[in-house]
Amino acid sequence: MHPTLDTALLEELEKLSGNDGASFLDSLIAIYIEDVERARQELGEGLAERDLERVARTAHGLRSGSLNLGAARLAALCREVDAAAREGLIDAVRTRLVALEQEIPLVLDALNRRRQQNPGD
């Protein structure tokens, strides 16, 4: 089983940002959390409307942000949702979205704990 977050990647982002690394990372995390909430809504609405193009596009965008912050397992689930949606497999989309919805709180909790451990300036 893979960890929820790649903490080494987060540490690298902090280092690359120099003296403002913690506050830079905090800003990235805050933006990502907003993006996740928007994506959850888009995914739910897209599925309800059977708009698989919208689902695929949203999952693809969430995948990118997740990879950037080291949430590889969530990114993999997004890739699976994206692929199933592009293939028109609505039942597979539903199943993968359930798994995605279970992973999101784990990622958000891990990111929030990270922010609390390393508060920005």
PDB file of N, CA and C in Angstrom:
ATOM      1  N   MET A   1       0.838  -1.194   0.000  1.00  0.00           N
ATOM      2  CA  MET A   1       0.000   0.000   0.000  1.00  0.00           C
ATOM      3  C   MET A   1       0.876   1.249   0.000  1.00  0.00           C
ATOM      4  N   HIS A   2       0.525   2.216  -0.819  1.00  0.00           N
ATOM      5  CA  HIS A   2       1.308   3.436  -0.937  1.00  0.00           C
ATOM      6  C   HIS A   2       0.852   4.465   0.098  1.00  0.00           C
ATOM      7  N   PRO A   3       1.775   5.314   0.532  1.00  0.00           N
ATOM      8  CA  PRO A   3       1.365   6.372   1.467  1.00  0.00           C
ATOM      9  C   PRO A   3       0.439   7.364   0.762  1.00  0.00           C
ATOM     10  N   THR A   4      -0.357   8.047   1.557  1.00  0.00           N
ATOM     11  CA  THR A   4      -1.291   9.027   1.007  1.00  0.00           C
ATOM     12  C   THR A   4      -0.553  10.158   0.305  1.00  0.00           C
ATOM     13  N   LEU A   5       0.547  10.614   0.912  1.00  0.00           N
ATOM     14  CA  LEU A   5       1.326  11.720   0.345  1.00  0.00           C
ATOM     15  C   LEU A   5       2.801  11.357   0.272  1.00  0.00           C
ATOM     16  N   ASP A   6       3.455  11.857  -0.744  1.00  0.00           N
ATOM     17  CA  ASP A   6       4.901  11.742  -0.866  1.00  0.00           C
ATOM     18  C   ASP A   6       5.502  12.948  -0.142  1.00  0.00           C
ATOM     19  N   THR A   7       5.846  12.749   1.124  1.00  0.00           N
ATOM     20  CA  THR A   7       6.360  13.870   1.923  1.00  0.00           C
ATOM     21  C   THR A   7       7.700  14.372   1.405  1.00  0.00           C
ATOM     22  N   ALA A   8       8.473  13.511   0.772  1.00  0.00           N
ATOM     23  CA  ALA A   8       9.747  13.950   0.207  1.00  0.00           C
ATOM     24  C   ALA A   8       9.513  14.997  -0.887  1.00  0.00           C
ATOM     25  N   LEU A   9       8.470  14.814  -1.673  1.00  0.00           N
ATOM     26  CA  LEU A   9       8.144  15.790  -2.712  1.00  0.00           C
ATOM     27  C   LEU A   9       7.751  17.123  -2.081  1.00  0.00           C
ATOM     28  N   LEU A  10       6.955  17.077  -1.023  1.00  0.00           N
ATOM     29  CA  LEU A  10       6.554  18.311  -0.340  1.00  0.00           C
ATOM     30  C   LEU A  10       7.772  19.031   0.248  1.00  0.00           C
ATOM     31  N   GLU A  11       8.688  18.278   0.817  1.00  0.00           N
ATOM     32  CA  GLU A  11       9.911  18.871   1.366  1.00  0.00           C
ATOM     33  C   GLU A  11      10.751  19.505   0.258  1.00  0.00           C
ATOM     34  N   GLU A  12      10.789  18.852  -0.882  1.00  0.00           N
ATOM     35  CA  GLU A  12      11.535  19.393  -2.020  1.00  0.00           C
ATOM     36  C   GLU A  12      10.910  20.709  -2.505  1.00  0.00           C
ATOM     37  N   LEU A  13       9.597  20.757  -2.547  1.00  0.00           N
ATOM     38  CA  LEU A  13       8.916  22.003  -2.927  1.00  0.00           C
ATOM     39  C   LEU A  13       9.263  23.124  -1.961  1.00  0.00           C
ATOM     40  N   GLU A  14       9.305  22.788  -0.676  1.00  0.00           N
ATOM     41  CA  GLU A  14       9.667  23.781   0.336  1.00  0.00           C
ATOM     42  C   GLU A  14      11.091  24.285   0.117  1.00  0.00           C
ATOM     43  N   LYS A  15      12.012  23.373  -0.135  1.00  0.00           N
ATOM     44  CA  LYS A  15      13.420  23.744  -0.332  1.00  0.00           C
ATOM     45  C   LYS A  15      13.587  24.611  -1.574  1.00  0.00           C
ATOM     46  N   LEU A  16      12.894  24.249  -2.645  1.00  0.00           N
ATOM     47  CA  LEU A  16      13.012  25.011  -3.889  1.00  0.00           C
ATOM     48  C   LEU A  16      12.506  26.437  -3.745  1.00  0.00           C
ATOM     49  N   SER A  17      11.671  26.670  -2.746  1.00  0.00           N
ATOM     50  CA  SER A  17      11.072  27.990  -2.544  1.00  0.00           C
ATOM     51  C   SER A  17      11.896  28.876  -1.630  1.00  0.00           C
ATOM     52  N   GLY A  18      13.043  28.385  -1.179  1.00  0.00           N
ATOM     53  CA  GLY A  18      13.936  29.205  -0.361  1.00  0.00           C
ATOM     54  C   GLY A  18      13.360  29.538   0.996  1.00  0.00           C
ATOM     55  N   ASN A  19      13.630  30.752   1.446  1.00  0.00           N
ATOM     56  CA  ASN A  19      13.218  31.184   2.785  1.00  0.00           C
ATOM     57  C   ASN A  19      11.718  31.191   2.981  1.00  0.00           C
ATOM     58  N   ASP A  20      10.974  31.367   1.915  1.00  0.00           N
ATOM     59  CA  ASP A  20       9.516  31.396   1.998  1.00  0.00           C
ATOM     60  C   ASP A  20       8.895  30.042   1.677  1.00  0.00           C
ATOM     61  N   GLY A  21       9.666  28.982   1.776  1.00  0.00           N
ATOM     62  CA  GLY A  21       9.206  27.654   1.399  1.00  0.00           C
ATOM     63  C   GLY A  21       7.948  27.206   2.096  1.00  0.00           C
ATOM     64  N   ALA A  22       7.881  27.388   3.417  1.00  0.00           N
ATOM     65  CA  ALA A  22       6.707  26.931   4.167  1.00  0.00           C
ATOM     66  C   ALA A  22       5.461  27.709   3.746  1.00  0.00           C
ATOM     67  N   SER A  23       5.583  29.028   3.603  1.00  0.00           N
ATOM     68  CA  SER A  23       4.397  29.795   3.220  1.00  0.00           C
ATOM     69  C   SER A  23       4.025  29.533   1.759  1.00  0.00           C
ATOM     70  N   PHE A  24       5.018  29.289   0.900  1.00  0.00           N
ATOM     71  CA  PHE A  24       4.730  28.938  -0.489  1.00  0.00           C
ATOM     72  C   PHE A  24       3.963  27.620  -0.549  1.00  0.00           C
ATOM     73  N   LEU A  25       4.444  26.618   0.181  1.00  0.00           N
ATOM     74  CA  LEU A  25       3.780  25.327   0.211  1.00  0.00           C
ATOM     75  C   LEU A  25       2.379  25.458   0.804  1.00  0.00           C
ATOM     76  N   ASP A  26       2.251  26.254   1.841  1.00  0.00           N
ATOM     77  CA  ASP A  26       0.941  26.490   2.452  1.00  0.00           C
ATOM     78  C   ASP A  26      -0.032  27.078   1.430  1.00  0.00           C
ATOM     79  N   SER A  27       0.455  28.003   0.615  1.00  0.00           N
ATOM     80  CA  SER A  27      -0.391  28.603  -0.428  1.00  0.00           C
ATOM     81  C   SER A  27      -0.790  27.569  -1.476  1.00  0.00           C
ATOM     82  N   LEU A  28       0.163  26.732  -1.888  1.00  0.00           N
ATOM     83  CA  LEU A  28      -0.147  25.682  -2.853  1.00  0.00           C
ATOM     84  C   LEU A  28      -1.211  24.730  -2.308  1.00  0.00           C
ATOM     85  N   ILE A  29      -1.056  24.372  -1.045  1.00  0.00           N
ATOM     86  CA  ILE A  29      -2.014  23.450  -0.422  1.00  0.00           C
ATOM     87  C   ILE A  29      -3.392  24.089  -0.350  1.00  0.00           C
ATOM     88  N   ALA A  30      -3.460  25.356   0.026  1.00  0.00           N
ATOM     89  CA  ALA A  30      -4.751  26.052   0.121  1.00  0.00           C
ATOM     90  C   ALA A  30      -5.450  26.086  -1.239  1.00  0.00           C
ATOM     91  N   ILE A  31      -4.698  26.387  -2.289  1.00  0.00           N
ATOM     92  CA  ILE A  31      -5.271  26.422  -3.643  1.00  0.00           C
ATOM     93  C   ILE A  31      -5.746  25.027  -4.040  1.00  0.00           C
ATOM     94  N   TYR A  32      -4.938  24.026  -3.746  1.00  0.00           N
ATOM     95  CA  TYR A  32      -5.298  22.645  -4.078  1.00  0.00           C
ATOM     96  C   TYR A  32      -6.587  22.228  -3.371  1.00  0.00           C
ATOM     97  N   ILE A  33      -6.717  22.568  -2.101  1.00  0.00           N
ATOM     98  CA  ILE A  33      -7.925  22.204  -1.345  1.00  0.00           C
ATOM     99  C   ILE A  33      -9.159  22.829  -1.995  1.00  0.00           C
ATOM    100  N   GLU A  34      -9.053  24.080  -2.405  1.00  0.00           N
ATOM    101  CA  GLU A  34     -10.168  24.725  -3.113  1.00  0.00           C
ATOM    102  C   GLU A  34     -10.466  24.005  -4.421  1.00  0.00           C
ATOM    103  N   ASP A  35      -9.413  23.639  -5.138  1.00  0.00           N
ATOM    104  CA  ASP A  35      -9.584  22.922  -6.409  1.00  0.00           C
ATOM    105  C   ASP A  35     -10.251  21.564  -6.200  1.00  0.00           C
ATOM    106  N   VAL A  36      -9.871  20.874  -5.132  1.00  0.00           N
ATOM    107  CA  VAL A  36     -10.466  19.568  -4.841  1.00  0.00           C
ATOM    108  C   VAL A  36     -11.960  19.711  -4.590  1.00  0.00           C
ATOM    109  N   GLU A  37     -12.343  20.699  -3.810  1.00  0.00           N
ATOM    110  CA  GLU A  37     -13.769  20.894  -3.513  1.00  0.00           C
ATOM    111  C   GLU A  37     -14.553  21.226  -4.776  1.00  0.00           C
ATOM    112  N   ARG A  38     -13.975  22.051  -5.639  1.00  0.00           N
ATOM    113  CA  ARG A  38     -14.636  22.374  -6.907  1.00  0.00           C
ATOM    114  C   ARG A  38     -14.743  21.118  -7.770  1.00  0.00           C
ATOM    115  N   ALA A  39     -13.665  20.342  -7.822  1.00  0.00           N
ATOM    116  CA  ALA A  39     -13.646  19.129  -8.634  1.00  0.00           C
ATOM    117  C   ALA A  39     -14.672  18.115  -8.134  1.00  0.00           C
ATOM    118  N   ARG A  40     -14.802  17.980  -6.832  1.00  0.00           N
ATOM    119  CA  ARG A  40     -15.801  17.046  -6.280  1.00  0.00           C
ATOM    120  C   ARG A  40     -17.193  17.415  -6.768  1.00  0.00           C
ATOM    121  N   GLN A  41     -17.487  18.690  -6.733  1.00  0.00           N
ATOM    122  CA  GLN A  41     -18.803  19.152  -7.188  1.00  0.00           C
ATOM    123  C   GLN A  41     -18.974  18.884  -8.677  1.00  0.00           C
ATOM    124  N   GLU A  42     -17.948  19.211  -9.464  1.00  0.00           N
ATOM    125  CA  GLU A  42     -18.007  18.997 -10.916  1.00  0.00           C
ATOM    126  C   GLU A  42     -18.175  17.517 -11.251  1.00  0.00           C
ATOM    127  N   LEU A  43     -17.435  16.662 -10.564  1.00  0.00           N
ATOM    128  CA  LEU A  43     -17.527  15.226 -10.824  1.00  0.00           C
ATOM    129  C   LEU A  43     -18.925  14.705 -10.505  1.00  0.00           C
ATOM    130  N   GLY A  44     -19.467  15.125  -9.368  1.00  0.00           N
ATOM    131  CA  GLY A  44     -20.808  14.693  -8.984  1.00  0.00           C
ATOM    132  C   GLY A  44     -21.872  15.166  -9.959  1.00  0.00           C
ATOM    133  N   GLU A  45     -21.779  16.436 -10.347  1.00  0.00           N
ATOM    134  CA  GLU A  45     -22.752  16.980 -11.295  1.00  0.00           C
ATOM    135  C   GLU A  45     -22.596  16.327 -12.671  1.00  0.00           C
ATOM    136  N   GLY A  46     -21.353  16.140 -13.089  1.00  0.00           N
ATOM    137  CA  GLY A  46     -21.106  15.507 -14.392  1.00  0.00           C
ATOM    138  C   GLY A  46     -21.675  14.099 -14.443  1.00  0.00           C
ATOM    139  N   LEU A  47     -21.474  13.343 -13.377  1.00  0.00           N
ATOM    140  CA  LEU A  47     -22.021  11.990 -13.329  1.00  0.00           C
ATOM    141  C   LEU A  47     -23.543  12.022 -13.333  1.00  0.00           C
ATOM    142  N   ALA A  48     -24.114  12.899 -12.508  1.00  0.00           N
ATOM    143  CA  ALA A  48     -25.577  12.991 -12.425  1.00  0.00           C
ATOM    144  C   ALA A  48     -26.187  13.350 -13.786  1.00  0.00           C
ATOM    145  N   GLU A  49     -25.488  14.188 -14.535  1.00  0.00           N
ATOM    146  CA  GLU A  49     -25.970  14.606 -15.860  1.00  0.00           C
ATOM    147  C   GLU A  49     -25.486  13.676 -16.972  1.00  0.00           C
ATOM    148  N   ARG A  50     -24.758  12.635 -16.591  1.00  0.00           N
ATOM    149  CA  ARG A  50     -24.197  11.677 -17.550  1.00  0.00           C
ATOM    150  C   ARG A  50     -23.319  12.377 -18.591  1.00  0.00           C
ATOM    151  N   ASP A  51     -22.649  13.439 -18.129  1.00  0.00           N
ATOM    152  CA  ASP A  51     -21.741  14.211 -18.978  1.00  0.00           C
ATOM    153  C   ASP A  51     -20.325  13.692 -18.735  1.00  0.00           C
ATOM    154  N   LEU A  52     -19.997  12.609 -19.438  1.00  0.00           N
ATOM    155  CA  LEU A  52     -18.716  11.949 -19.201  1.00  0.00           C
ATOM    156  C   LEU A  52     -17.530  12.768 -19.701  1.00  0.00           C
ATOM    157  N   GLU A  53     -17.749  13.644 -20.641  1.00  0.00           N
ATOM    158  CA  GLU A  53     -16.666  14.537 -21.078  1.00  0.00           C
ATOM    159  C   GLU A  53     -16.281  15.476 -19.936  1.00  0.00           C
ATOM    160  N   ARG A  54     -17.278  16.000 -19.246  1.00  0.00           N
ATOM    161  CA  ARG A  54     -17.043  16.875 -18.085  1.00  0.00           C
ATOM    162  C   ARG A  54     -16.331  16.098 -16.979  1.00  0.00           C
ATOM    163  N   VAL A  55     -16.759  14.875 -16.738  1.00  0.00           N
ATOM    164  CA  VAL A  55     -16.135  14.029 -15.723  1.00  0.00           C
ATOM    165  C   VAL A  55     -14.674  13.795 -16.081  1.00  0.00           C
ATOM    166  N   ALA A  56     -14.402  13.441 -17.321  1.00  0.00           N
ATOM    167  CA  ALA A  56     -13.028  13.167 -17.762  1.00  0.00           C
ATOM    168  C   ALA A  56     -12.148  14.401 -17.614  1.00  0.00           C
ATOM    169  N   ARG A  57     -12.646  15.536 -18.060  1.00  0.00           N
ATOM    170  CA  ARG A  57     -11.886  16.792 -17.998  1.00  0.00           C
ATOM    171  C   ARG A  57     -11.570  17.162 -16.545  1.00  0.00           C
ATOM    172  N   THR A  58     -12.555  17.022 -15.675  1.00  0.00           N
ATOM    173  CA  THR A  58     -12.367  17.363 -14.262  1.00  0.00           C
ATOM    174  C   THR A  58     -11.398  16.403 -13.590  1.00  0.00           C
ATOM    175  N   ALA A  59     -11.548  15.118 -13.853  1.00  0.00           N
ATOM    176  CA  ALA A  59     -10.641  14.126 -13.268  1.00  0.00           C
ATOM    177  C   ALA A  59      -9.208  14.356 -13.741  1.00  0.00           C
ATOM    178  N   HIS A  60      -9.050  14.713 -15.007  1.00  0.00           N
ATOM    179  CA  HIS A  60      -7.720  14.980 -15.551  1.00  0.00           C
ATOM    180  C   HIS A  60      -7.064  16.155 -14.819  1.00  0.00           C
ATOM    181  N   GLY A  61      -7.824  17.213 -14.604  1.00  0.00           N
ATOM    182  CA  GLY A  61      -7.297  18.389 -13.900  1.00  0.00           C
ATOM    183  C   GLY A  61      -6.945  18.079 -12.451  1.00  0.00           C
ATOM    184  N   LEU A  62      -7.783  17.318 -11.784  1.00  0.00           N
ATOM    185  CA  LEU A  62      -7.520  16.944 -10.397  1.00  0.00           C
ATOM    186  C   LEU A  62      -6.288  16.045 -10.321  1.00  0.00           C
ATOM    187  N   ARG A  63      -6.117  15.212 -11.315  1.00  0.00           N
ATOM    188  CA  ARG A  63      -4.936  14.329 -11.358  1.00  0.00           C
ATOM    189  C   ARG A  63      -3.653  15.150 -11.362  1.00  0.00           C
ATOM    190  N   SER A  64      -3.611  16.171 -12.193  1.00  0.00           N
ATOM    191  CA  SER A  64      -2.407  17.004 -12.294  1.00  0.00           C
ATOM    192  C   SER A  64      -2.073  17.666 -10.968  1.00  0.00           C
ATOM    193  N   GLY A  65      -3.053  18.285 -10.351  1.00  0.00           N
ATOM    194  CA  GLY A  65      -2.826  18.937  -9.061  1.00  0.00           C
ATOM    195  C   GLY A  65      -2.409  17.951  -7.990  1.00  0.00           C
ATOM    196  N   SER A  66      -2.992  16.775  -8.015  1.00  0.00           N
ATOM    197  CA  SER A  66      -2.663  15.747  -7.026  1.00  0.00           C
ATOM    198  C   SER A  66      -1.220  15.280  -7.187  1.00  0.00           C
ATOM    199  N   LEU A  67      -0.795  15.078  -8.418  1.00  0.00           N
ATOM    200  CA  LEU A  67       0.594  14.682  -8.664  1.00  0.00           C
ATOM    201  C   LEU A  67       1.566  15.758  -8.187  1.00  0.00           C
ATOM    202  N   ASN A  68       1.221  17.017  -8.421  1.00  0.00           N
ATOM    203  CA  ASN A  68       2.097  18.121  -8.027  1.00  0.00           C
ATOM    204  C   ASN A  68       2.323  18.183  -6.525  1.00  0.00           C
ATOM    205  N   LEU A  69       1.362  17.702  -5.740  1.00  0.00           N
ATOM    206  CA  LEU A  69       1.499  17.730  -4.283  1.00  0.00           C
ATOM    207  C   LEU A  69       1.779  16.351  -3.694  1.00  0.00           C
ATOM    208  N   GLY A  70       2.108  15.403  -4.534  1.00  0.00           N
ATOM    209  CA  GLY A  70       2.536  14.107  -4.029  1.00  0.00           C
ATOM    210  C   GLY A  70       1.434  13.147  -3.628  1.00  0.00           C
ATOM    211  N   ALA A  71       0.213  13.397  -4.088  1.00  0.00           N
ATOM    212  CA  ALA A  71      -0.910  12.500  -3.784  1.00  0.00           C
ATOM    213  C   ALA A  71      -1.066  11.500  -4.935  1.00  0.00           C
ATOM    214  N   ALA A  72      -0.105  10.587  -5.026  1.00  0.00           N
ATOM    215  CA  ALA A  72      -0.032   9.676  -6.173  1.00  0.00           C
ATOM    216  C   ALA A  72      -1.215   8.712  -6.236  1.00  0.00           C
ATOM    217  N   ARG A  73      -1.661   8.218  -5.109  1.00  0.00           N
ATOM    218  CA  ARG A  73      -2.788   7.272  -5.116  1.00  0.00           C
ATOM    219  C   ARG A  73      -4.054   7.973  -5.613  1.00  0.00           C
ATOM    220  N   LEU A  74      -4.277   9.208  -5.157  1.00  0.00           N
ATOM    221  CA  LEU A  74      -5.431   9.969  -5.631  1.00  0.00           C
ATOM    222  C   LEU A  74      -5.287  10.262  -7.126  1.00  0.00           C
ATOM    223  N   ALA A  75      -4.092  10.592  -7.553  1.00  0.00           N
ATOM    224  CA  ALA A  75      -3.850  10.851  -8.974  1.00  0.00           C
ATOM    225  C   ALA A  75      -4.139   9.610  -9.810  1.00  0.00           C
ATOM    226  N   ALA A  76      -3.761   8.440  -9.314  1.00  0.00           N
ATOM    227  CA  ALA A  76      -4.025   7.195 -10.041  1.00  0.00           C
ATOM    228  C   ALA A  76      -5.528   6.942 -10.163  1.00  0.00           C
ATOM    229  N   LEU A  77      -6.261   7.222  -9.109  1.00  0.00           N
ATOM    230  CA  LEU A  77      -7.719   7.076  -9.166  1.00  0.00           C
ATOM    231  C   LEU A  77      -8.319   8.051 -10.170  1.00  0.00           C
ATOM    232  N   CYS A  78      -7.799   9.268 -10.199  1.00  0.00           N
ATOM    233  CA  CYS A  78      -8.272  10.258 -11.177  1.00  0.00           C
ATOM    234  C   CYS A  78      -8.007   9.771 -12.599  1.00  0.00           C
ATOM    235  N   ARG A  79      -6.836   9.173 -12.812  1.00  0.00           N
ATOM    236  CA  ARG A  79      -6.504   8.640 -14.136  1.00  0.00           C
ATOM    237  C   ARG A  79      -7.503   7.559 -14.534  1.00  0.00           C
ATOM    238  N   GLU A  80      -7.872   6.704 -13.576  1.00  0.00           N
ATOM    239  CA  GLU A  80      -8.834   5.640 -13.863  1.00  0.00           C
ATOM    240  C   GLU A  80     -10.218   6.207 -14.183  1.00  0.00           C
ATOM    241  N   VAL A  81     -10.628   7.236 -13.441  1.00  0.00           N
ATOM    242  CA  VAL A  81     -11.918   7.892 -13.722  1.00  0.00           C
ATOM    243  C   VAL A  81     -11.882   8.520 -15.104  1.00  0.00           C
ATOM    244  N   ASP A  82     -10.811   9.228 -15.397  1.00  0.00           N
ATOM    245  CA  ASP A  82     -10.641   9.878 -16.705  1.00  0.00           C
ATOM    246  C   ASP A  82     -10.745   8.843 -17.831  1.00  0.00           C
ATOM    247  N   ALA A  83     -10.004   7.744 -17.708  1.00  0.00           N
ATOM    248  CA  ALA A  83      -9.998   6.714 -18.755  1.00  0.00           C
ATOM    249  C   ALA A  83     -11.382   6.081 -18.923  1.00  0.00           C
ATOM    250  N   ALA A  84     -12.027   5.749 -17.819  1.00  0.00           N
ATOM    251  CA  ALA A  84     -13.359   5.131 -17.897  1.00  0.00           C
ATOM    252  C   ALA A  84     -14.366   6.093 -18.530  1.00  0.00           C
ATOM    253  N   ALA A  85     -14.276   7.366 -18.165  1.00  0.00           N
ATOM    254  CA  ALA A  85     -15.197   8.352 -18.733  1.00  0.00           C
ATOM    255  C   ALA A  85     -14.972   8.512 -20.229  1.00  0.00           C
ATOM    256  N   ARG A  86     -13.725   8.557 -20.646  1.00  0.00           N
ATOM    257  CA  ARG A  86     -13.412   8.709 -22.075  1.00  0.00           C
ATOM    258  C   ARG A  86     -13.869   7.491 -22.884  1.00  0.00           C
ATOM    259  N   GLU A  87     -13.926   6.334 -22.227  1.00  0.00           N
ATOM    260  CA  GLU A  87     -14.400   5.117 -22.893  1.00  0.00           C
ATOM    261  C   GLU A  87     -15.917   4.953 -22.793  1.00  0.00           C
ATOM    262  N   GLY A  88     -16.584   5.869 -22.080  1.00  0.00           N
ATOM    263  CA  GLY A  88     -18.037   5.814 -21.951  1.00  0.00           C
ATOM    264  C   GLY A  88     -18.537   4.755 -20.984  1.00  0.00           C
ATOM    265  N   LEU A  89     -17.710   4.340 -20.062  1.00  0.00           N
ATOM    266  CA  LEU A  89     -18.052   3.274 -19.122  1.00  0.00           C
ATOM    267  C   LEU A  89     -18.595   3.869 -17.817  1.00  0.00           C
ATOM    268  N   ILE A  90     -19.855   4.254 -17.836  1.00  0.00           N
ATOM    269  CA  ILE A  90     -20.427   4.981 -16.708  1.00  0.00           C
ATOM    270  C   ILE A  90     -20.418   4.175 -15.412  1.00  0.00           C
ATOM    271  N   ASP A  91     -20.628   2.867 -15.469  1.00  0.00           N
ATOM    272  CA  ASP A  91     -20.585   2.064 -14.246  1.00  0.00           C
ATOM    273  C   ASP A  91     -19.176   2.044 -13.657  1.00  0.00           C
ATOM    274  N   ALA A  92     -18.166   1.955 -14.511  1.00  0.00           N
ATOM    275  CA  ALA A  92     -16.778   2.004 -14.037  1.00  0.00           C
ATOM    276  C   ALA A  92     -16.460   3.375 -13.456  1.00  0.00           C
ATOM    277  N   VAL A  93     -16.994   4.424 -14.063  1.00  0.00           N
ATOM    278  CA  VAL A  93     -16.806   5.776 -13.529  1.00  0.00           C
ATOM    279  C   VAL A  93     -17.386   5.854 -12.125  1.00  0.00           C
ATOM    280  N   ARG A  94     -18.617   5.368 -11.970  1.00  0.00           N
ATOM    281  CA  ARG A  94     -19.267   5.382 -10.652  1.00  0.00           C
ATOM    282  C   ARG A  94     -18.416   4.667  -9.602  1.00  0.00           C
ATOM    283  N   THR A  95     -17.949   3.481  -9.948  1.00  0.00           N
ATOM    284  CA  THR A  95     -17.141   2.676  -9.021  1.00  0.00           C
ATOM    285  C   THR A  95     -15.851   3.399  -8.647  1.00  0.00           C
ATOM    286  N   ARG A  96     -15.165   3.976  -9.622  1.00  0.00           N
ATOM    287  CA  ARG A  96     -13.899   4.668  -9.356  1.00  0.00           C
ATOM    288  C   ARG A  96     -14.142   5.957  -8.575  1.00  0.00           C
ATOM    289  N   LEU A  97     -15.278   6.608  -8.810  1.00  0.00           N
ATOM    290  CA  LEU A  97     -15.577   7.830  -8.050  1.00  0.00           C
ATOM    291  C   LEU A  97     -15.807   7.519  -6.571  1.00  0.00           C
ATOM    292  N   VAL A  98     -16.367   6.356  -6.274  1.00  0.00           N
ATOM    293  CA  VAL A  98     -16.538   5.959  -4.875  1.00  0.00           C
ATOM    294  C   VAL A  98     -15.160   5.852  -4.213  1.00  0.00           C
ATOM    295  N   ALA A  99     -14.234   5.193  -4.886  1.00  0.00           N
ATOM    296  CA  ALA A  99     -12.876   5.054  -4.345  1.00  0.00           C
ATOM    297  C   ALA A  99     -12.197   6.422  -4.226  1.00  0.00           C
ATOM    298  N   LEU A 100     -12.401   7.271  -5.216  1.00  0.00           N
ATOM    299  CA  LEU A 100     -11.826   8.609  -5.198  1.00  0.00           C
ATOM    300  C   LEU A 100     -12.366   9.399  -4.007  1.00  0.00           C
ATOM    301  N   GLU A 101     -13.669   9.304  -3.770  1.00  0.00           N
ATOM    302  CA  GLU A 101     -14.281  10.013  -2.641  1.00  0.00           C
ATOM    303  C   GLU A 101     -13.776   9.493  -1.291  1.00  0.00           C
ATOM    304  N   GLN A 102     -13.345   8.251  -1.245  1.00  0.00           N
ATOM    305  CA  GLN A 102     -12.768   7.711  -0.008  1.00  0.00           C
ATOM    306  C   GLN A 102     -11.334   8.192   0.182  1.00  0.00           C
ATOM    307  N   GLU A 103     -10.628   8.414  -0.897  1.00  0.00           N
ATOM    308  CA  GLU A 103      -9.226   8.845  -0.824  1.00  0.00           C
ATOM    309  C   GLU A 103      -9.091  10.338  -0.550  1.00  0.00           C
ATOM    310  N   ILE A 104     -10.000  11.148  -1.062  1.00  0.00           N
ATOM    311  CA  ILE A 104      -9.889  12.604  -0.920  1.00  0.00           C
ATOM    312  C   ILE A 104      -9.759  13.038   0.544  1.00  0.00           C
ATOM    313  N   PRO A 105     -10.610  12.584   1.464  1.00  0.00           N
ATOM    314  CA  PRO A 105     -10.450  13.036   2.853  1.00  0.00           C
ATOM    315  C   PRO A 105      -9.099  12.650   3.464  1.00  0.00           C
ATOM    316  N   LEU A 106      -8.556  11.515   3.057  1.00  0.00           N
ATOM    317  CA  LEU A 106      -7.245  11.103   3.555  1.00  0.00           C
ATOM    318  C   LEU A 106      -6.159  12.079   3.094  1.00  0.00           C
ATOM    319  N   VAL A 107      -6.237  12.471   1.834  1.00  0.00           N
ATOM    320  CA  VAL A 107      -5.270  13.417   1.283  1.00  0.00           C
ATOM    321  C   VAL A 107      -5.427  14.780   1.946  1.00  0.00           C
ATOM    322  N   LEU A 108      -6.656  15.257   2.051  1.00  0.00           N
ATOM    323  CA  LEU A 108      -6.869  16.577   2.657  1.00  0.00           C
ATOM    324  C   LEU A 108      -6.430  16.598   4.111  1.00  0.00           C
ATOM    325  N   ASP A 109      -6.706  15.517   4.835  1.00  0.00           N
ATOM    326  CA  ASP A 109      -6.278  15.435   6.227  1.00  0.00           C
ATOM    327  C   ASP A 109      -4.750  15.458   6.322  1.00  0.00           C
ATOM    328  N   ALA A 110      -4.083  14.692   5.472  1.00  0.00           N
ATOM    329  CA  ALA A 110      -2.616  14.657   5.481  1.00  0.00           C
ATOM    330  C   ALA A 110      -2.029  16.025   5.134  1.00  0.00           C
ATOM    331  N   LEU A 111      -2.627  16.707   4.165  1.00  0.00           N
ATOM    332  CA  LEU A 111      -2.138  18.040   3.799  1.00  0.00           C
ATOM    333  C   LEU A 111      -2.377  19.048   4.923  1.00  0.00           C
ATOM    334  N   ASN A 112      -3.525  18.980   5.551  1.00  0.00           N
ATOM    335  CA  ASN A 112      -3.799  19.895   6.666  1.00  0.00           C
ATOM    336  C   ASN A 112      -2.866  19.628   7.846  1.00  0.00           C
ATOM    337  N   ARG A 113      -2.566  18.361   8.118  1.00  0.00           N
ATOM    338  CA  ARG A 113      -1.600  18.045   9.180  1.00  0.00           C
ATOM    339  C   ARG A 113      -0.233  18.607   8.825  1.00  0.00           C
ATOM    340  N   ARG A 114       0.131  18.494   7.569  1.00  0.00           N
ATOM    341  CA  ARG A 114       1.419  19.034   7.104  1.00  0.00           C
ATOM    342  C   ARG A 114       1.469  20.543   7.321  1.00  0.00           C
ATOM    343  N   ARG A 115       0.403  21.239   7.013  1.00  0.00           N
ATOM    344  CA  ARG A 115       0.337  22.685   7.206  1.00  0.00           C
ATOM    345  C   ARG A 115       0.473  23.055   8.676  1.00  0.00           C
ATOM    346  N   GLN A 116      -0.144  22.274   9.554  1.00  0.00           N
ATOM    347  CA  GLN A 116      -0.079  22.552  10.987  1.00  0.00           C
ATOM    348  C   GLN A 116       1.309  22.291  11.545  1.00  0.00           C
ATOM    349  N   GLN A 117       2.001  21.299  11.008  1.00  0.00           N
ATOM    350  CA  GLN A 117       3.357  20.975  11.463  1.00  0.00           C
ATOM    351  C   GLN A 117       4.365  22.008  10.985  1.00  0.00           C
ATOM    352  N   ASN A 118       4.118  22.579   9.836  1.00  0.00           N
ATOM    353  CA  ASN A 118       5.068  23.527   9.227  1.00  0.00           C
ATOM    354  C   ASN A 118       4.358  24.814   8.868  1.00  0.00           C
ATOM    355  N   PRO A 119       3.879  25.566   9.860  1.00  0.00           N
ATOM    356  CA  PRO A 119       3.148  26.798   9.531  1.00  0.00           C
ATOM    357  C   PRO A 119       4.037  27.789   8.794  1.00  0.00           C
ATOM    358  N   GLY A 120       3.407  28.476   7.827  1.00  0.00           N
ATOM    359  CA  GLY A 120       4.149  29.494   7.058  1.00  0.00           C
ATOM    360  C   GLY A 120       4.437  30.719   7.912  1.00  0.00           C
ATOM    361  N   ASP A 121       5.305  31.575   7.386  1.00  0.00           N
ATOM    362  CA  ASP A 121       5.691  32.793   8.137  1.00  0.00           C
ATOM    363  C   ASP A 121       4.582  33.795   8.175  1.00  0.00           C
TER     364      ASP A 121
END
